[in-house]
Structures are given as structure tokens and as C-alpha cells.
C-alpha atoms as a PDB file:
ATOM      1  CA  MET A   1      15.080 -13.243  -2.208  1.00  0.00           C
ATOM      2  CA  ASP A   2      13.374 -10.019  -2.934  1.00  0.00           C
ATOM      3  CA  PRO A   3      11.947  -8.416   0.212  1.00  0.00           C
ATOM      4  CA  ALA A   4       8.667  -7.718  -1.654  1.00  0.00           C
ATOM      5  CA  ASP A   5       8.268 -11.525  -2.051  1.00  0.00           C
ATOM      6  CA  VAL A   6       8.234 -12.017   1.727  1.00  0.00           C
ATOM      7  CA  ALA A   7       4.703 -12.316   3.146  1.00  0.00           C
ATOM      8  CA  ILE A   8       4.247 -10.385   6.388  1.00  0.00           C
ATOM      9  CA  GLU A   9       2.237 -12.287   8.914  1.00  0.00           C
ATOM     10  CA  ILE A  10      -0.468 -10.159  10.551  1.00  0.00           C
ATOM     11  CA  THR A  11      -2.532 -10.783  13.527  1.00  0.00           C
ATOM     12  CA  GLU A  12      -6.337 -10.979  13.548  1.00  0.00           C
ATOM     13  CA  THR A  13      -6.448  -7.567  15.342  1.00  0.00           C
ATOM     14  CA  GLU A  14      -4.267  -5.956  12.707  1.00  0.00           C
ATOM     15  CA  ARG A  15      -6.442  -7.516   9.964  1.00  0.00           C
ATOM     16  CA  LYS A  16      -9.550  -6.026  11.524  1.00  0.00           C
ATOM     17  CA  LEU A  17      -7.833  -2.657  11.805  1.00  0.00           C
ATOM     18  CA  VAL A  18      -6.935  -2.818   8.161  1.00  0.00           C
ATOM     19  CA  GLY A  19     -10.524  -3.406   7.389  1.00  0.00           C
ATOM     20  CA  ILE A  20     -11.652  -0.556   9.431  1.00  0.00           C
ATOM     21  CA  TRP A  21      -9.154   1.969   8.070  1.00  0.00           C
ATOM     22  CA  SER A  22      -9.917   0.763   4.475  1.00  0.00           C
ATOM     23  CA  GLU A  23     -13.608   1.365   5.048  1.00  0.00           C
ATOM     24  CA  VAL A  24     -13.336   4.706   6.764  1.00  0.00           C
ATOM     25  CA  LEU A  25     -10.570   6.157   4.541  1.00  0.00           C
ATOM     26  CA  HIS A  26     -11.952   4.524   1.316  1.00  0.00           C
ATOM     27  CA  ILE A  27      -8.522   3.135   0.595  1.00  0.00           C
ATOM     28  CA  GLU A  28      -8.137  -0.380  -0.880  1.00  0.00           C
ATOM     29  CA  GLN A  29      -4.501  -1.070   0.285  1.00  0.00           C
ATOM     30  CA  VAL A  30      -3.598  -0.117   3.794  1.00  0.00           C
ATOM     31  CA  PRO A  31       0.034  -0.938   4.879  1.00  0.00           C
ATOM     32  CA  ILE A  32       0.090  -1.948   8.583  1.00  0.00           C
ATOM     33  CA  ASP A  33       3.154   0.152   9.231  1.00  0.00           C
ATOM     34  CA  THR A  34       1.631   3.422   7.935  1.00  0.00           C
ATOM     35  CA  THR A  35       0.224   5.982  10.304  1.00  0.00           C
ATOM     36  CA  PHE A  36      -3.316   7.358  10.170  1.00  0.00           C
ATOM     37  CA  LEU A  37      -1.833  10.793   9.541  1.00  0.00           C
ATOM     38  CA  ASP A  38       0.095   9.487   6.530  1.00  0.00           C
ATOM     39  CA  PHE A  39      -3.223   9.372   4.657  1.00  0.00           C
ATOM     40  CA  GLY A  40      -3.819  13.122   5.234  1.00  0.00           C
ATOM     41  CA  THR A  41      -6.748  12.472   7.550  1.00  0.00           C
ATOM     42  CA  ASP A  42      -8.500  14.798   9.934  1.00  0.00           C
ATOM     43  CA  SER A  43     -10.069  14.565  13.381  1.00  0.00           C
ATOM     44  CA  MET A  44     -13.493  13.816  11.927  1.00  0.00           C
ATOM     45  CA  LEU A  45     -12.307  10.635  10.237  1.00  0.00           C
ATOM     46  CA  ALA A  46     -10.405   9.763  13.420  1.00  0.00           C
ATOM     47  CA  ALA A  47     -13.536   9.986  15.344  1.00  0.00           C
ATOM     48  CA  ILE A  48     -15.388   7.725  12.861  1.00  0.00           C
ATOM     49  CA  CYS A  49     -12.528   5.301  13.023  1.00  0.00           C
ATOM     50  CA  ALA A  50     -12.556   5.285  16.787  1.00  0.00           C
ATOM     51  CA  ILE A  51     -16.306   4.561  16.779  1.00  0.00           C
ATOM     52  CA  ARG A  52     -15.805   1.680  14.428  1.00  0.00           C
ATOM     53  CA  ILE A  53     -12.913   0.321  16.604  1.00  0.00           C
ATOM     54  CA  TRP A  54     -15.259   0.430  19.609  1.00  0.00           C
ATOM     55  CA  GLU A  55     -18.029  -1.398  17.611  1.00  0.00           C
ATOM     56  CA  VAL A  56     -15.603  -4.158  16.456  1.00  0.00           C
ATOM     57  CA  PHE A  57     -13.501  -4.572  19.569  1.00  0.00           C
ATOM     58  CA  ASN A  58     -15.746  -3.355  22.205  1.00  0.00           C
ATOM     59  CA  LEU A  59     -12.942  -1.211  23.540  1.00  0.00           C
ATOM     60  CA  GLU A  60     -12.736   2.585  23.804  1.00  0.00           C
ATOM     61  CA  LEU A  61      -9.803   4.122  21.908  1.00  0.00           C
ATOM     62  CA  PRO A  62      -9.837   7.914  21.918  1.00  0.00           C
ATOM     63  CA  GLU A  63      -9.529   9.434  18.381  1.00  0.00           C
ATOM     64  CA  THR A  64      -6.601  11.481  19.550  1.00  0.00           C
ATOM     65  CA  VAL A  65      -4.536   8.201  19.729  1.00  0.00           C
ATOM     66  CA  LEU A  66      -5.054   7.752  16.034  1.00  0.00           C
ATOM     67  CA  LEU A  67      -3.656  11.254  15.479  1.00  0.00           C
ATOM     68  CA  GLU A  68      -0.432  10.553  17.358  1.00  0.00           C
ATOM     69  CA  ASP A  69       2.843  10.206  15.584  1.00  0.00           C
ATOM     70  CA  GLY A  70       3.750   6.438  15.319  1.00  0.00           C
ATOM     71  CA  ALA A  71       0.103   5.292  15.604  1.00  0.00           C
ATOM     72  CA  THR A  72       0.381   2.530  12.990  1.00  0.00           C
ATOM     73  CA  ILE A  73      -1.918  -0.355  12.615  1.00  0.00           C
ATOM     74  CA  ARG A  74       0.706  -2.585  14.088  1.00  0.00           C
ATOM     75  CA  ALA A  75       1.167  -0.328  17.190  1.00  0.00           C
ATOM     76  CA  LEU A  76      -2.575   0.172  17.675  1.00  0.00           C
ATOM     77  CA  ALA A  77      -3.244  -3.548  17.354  1.00  0.00           C
ATOM     78  CA  ALA A  78      -0.692  -4.202  20.056  1.00  0.00           C
ATOM     79  CA  ALA A  79      -2.271  -1.640  22.356  1.00  0.00           C
ATOM     80  CA  ILE A  80      -5.795  -3.109  21.649  1.00  0.00           C
ATOM     81  CA  ASP A  81      -4.461  -6.611  22.375  1.00  0.00           C
ATOM     82  CA  ARG A  82      -2.875  -5.440  25.612  1.00  0.00           C
ATOM     83  CA  LYS A  83      -6.025  -3.559  26.724  1.00  0.00           C
ATOM     84  CA  ALA A  84      -8.152  -6.563  25.895  1.00  0.00           C
ATOM     85  CA  ALA A  85      -5.837  -8.938  27.765  1.00  0.00           C
ATOM     86  CA  LEU A  86      -6.037  -6.771  30.804  1.00  0.00           C
ATOM     87  CA  LEU A  87      -9.791  -6.899  30.749  1.00  0.00           C
ATOM     88  CA  THR A  88      -9.834 -10.688  30.305  1.00  0.00           C
ATOM     89  CA  GLY A  89      -6.869 -11.707  32.223  1.00  0.00           C
ATOM     90  CA  GLU A  90      -5.307 -13.175  29.090  1.00  0.00           C
ATOM     91  CA  SER A  91      -1.478 -13.284  28.622  1.00  0.00           C
ATOM     92  CA  VAL A  92       0.285 -11.076  25.991  1.00  0.00           C
ATOM     93  CA  ASP A  93       3.643 -11.538  24.185  1.00  0.00           C
ATOM     94  CA  GLU A  94       6.448  -9.130  24.246  1.00  0.00           C
ATOM     95  CA  LEU A  95       5.026  -7.258  21.287  1.00  0.00           C
ATOM     96  CA  GLY A  96       1.666  -6.762  23.227  1.00  0.00           C
ATOM     97  CA  HIS A  97      -0.330  -9.314  21.193  1.00  0.00           C
ATOM     98  CA  ALA A  98      -2.706 -11.617  23.025  1.00  0.00           C
ATOM     99  CA  ARG A  99      -1.504 -15.158  23.076  1.00  0.00           C
ATOM    100  CA  GLU A 100      -2.857 -18.496  24.255  1.00  0.00           C
ATOM    101  CA  VAL A 101      -1.729 -19.638  27.752  1.00  0.00           C
END
């Protein structure tokens, strides 16, 4: 089987982040394992993205986090899910994604 034929499951948080990055960066296809810096972005776009993340998730995520090496959608989604779980008392799996108890 060709690896390109395998559909990668993404979480709702990852899906929302893809939408935010796509909107802010004006990019149609946003791979979830690509970093914000891979798109040649700057701190202004990171700030806009951080504001959109706050609007969508009601969680503060400093724009500097987006500019860190390794800040992929997958990694950021796990961090958002962990932070949300802490605030709501929800359980998270080993990857940091919220799960039903």
C-alpha cells in the first residue's frame, strides 16, 4: 500500500487549527506536521494566529509558541487539549488529546 493512500486521522482541535492557519496564511493545504515557520511567516502573522486561536478555543496561546521549532499543528493541538483538559478537569490521553472518561 502506498503511504500516500493512507488517510491520517486528525482530531477536532487539529482540524480547527488547520482552518485558522489556512485563513491567516492564505494557504489552502496545511499539513498538520509542518511548523508555522516552515511557511516563512513572521511575528505579525503569529500574533494574528494567536488571536484567532483565542477566539476559537477561548485559550491564550502566546504567539511566541507558534514561532518555536517543532510547533506543528499536531503539537499545538495536543498542548491546547491538555490546557483545556486542565481547565475543565477532563482526562487526556498519552498524546495530550482530550478523551471521554
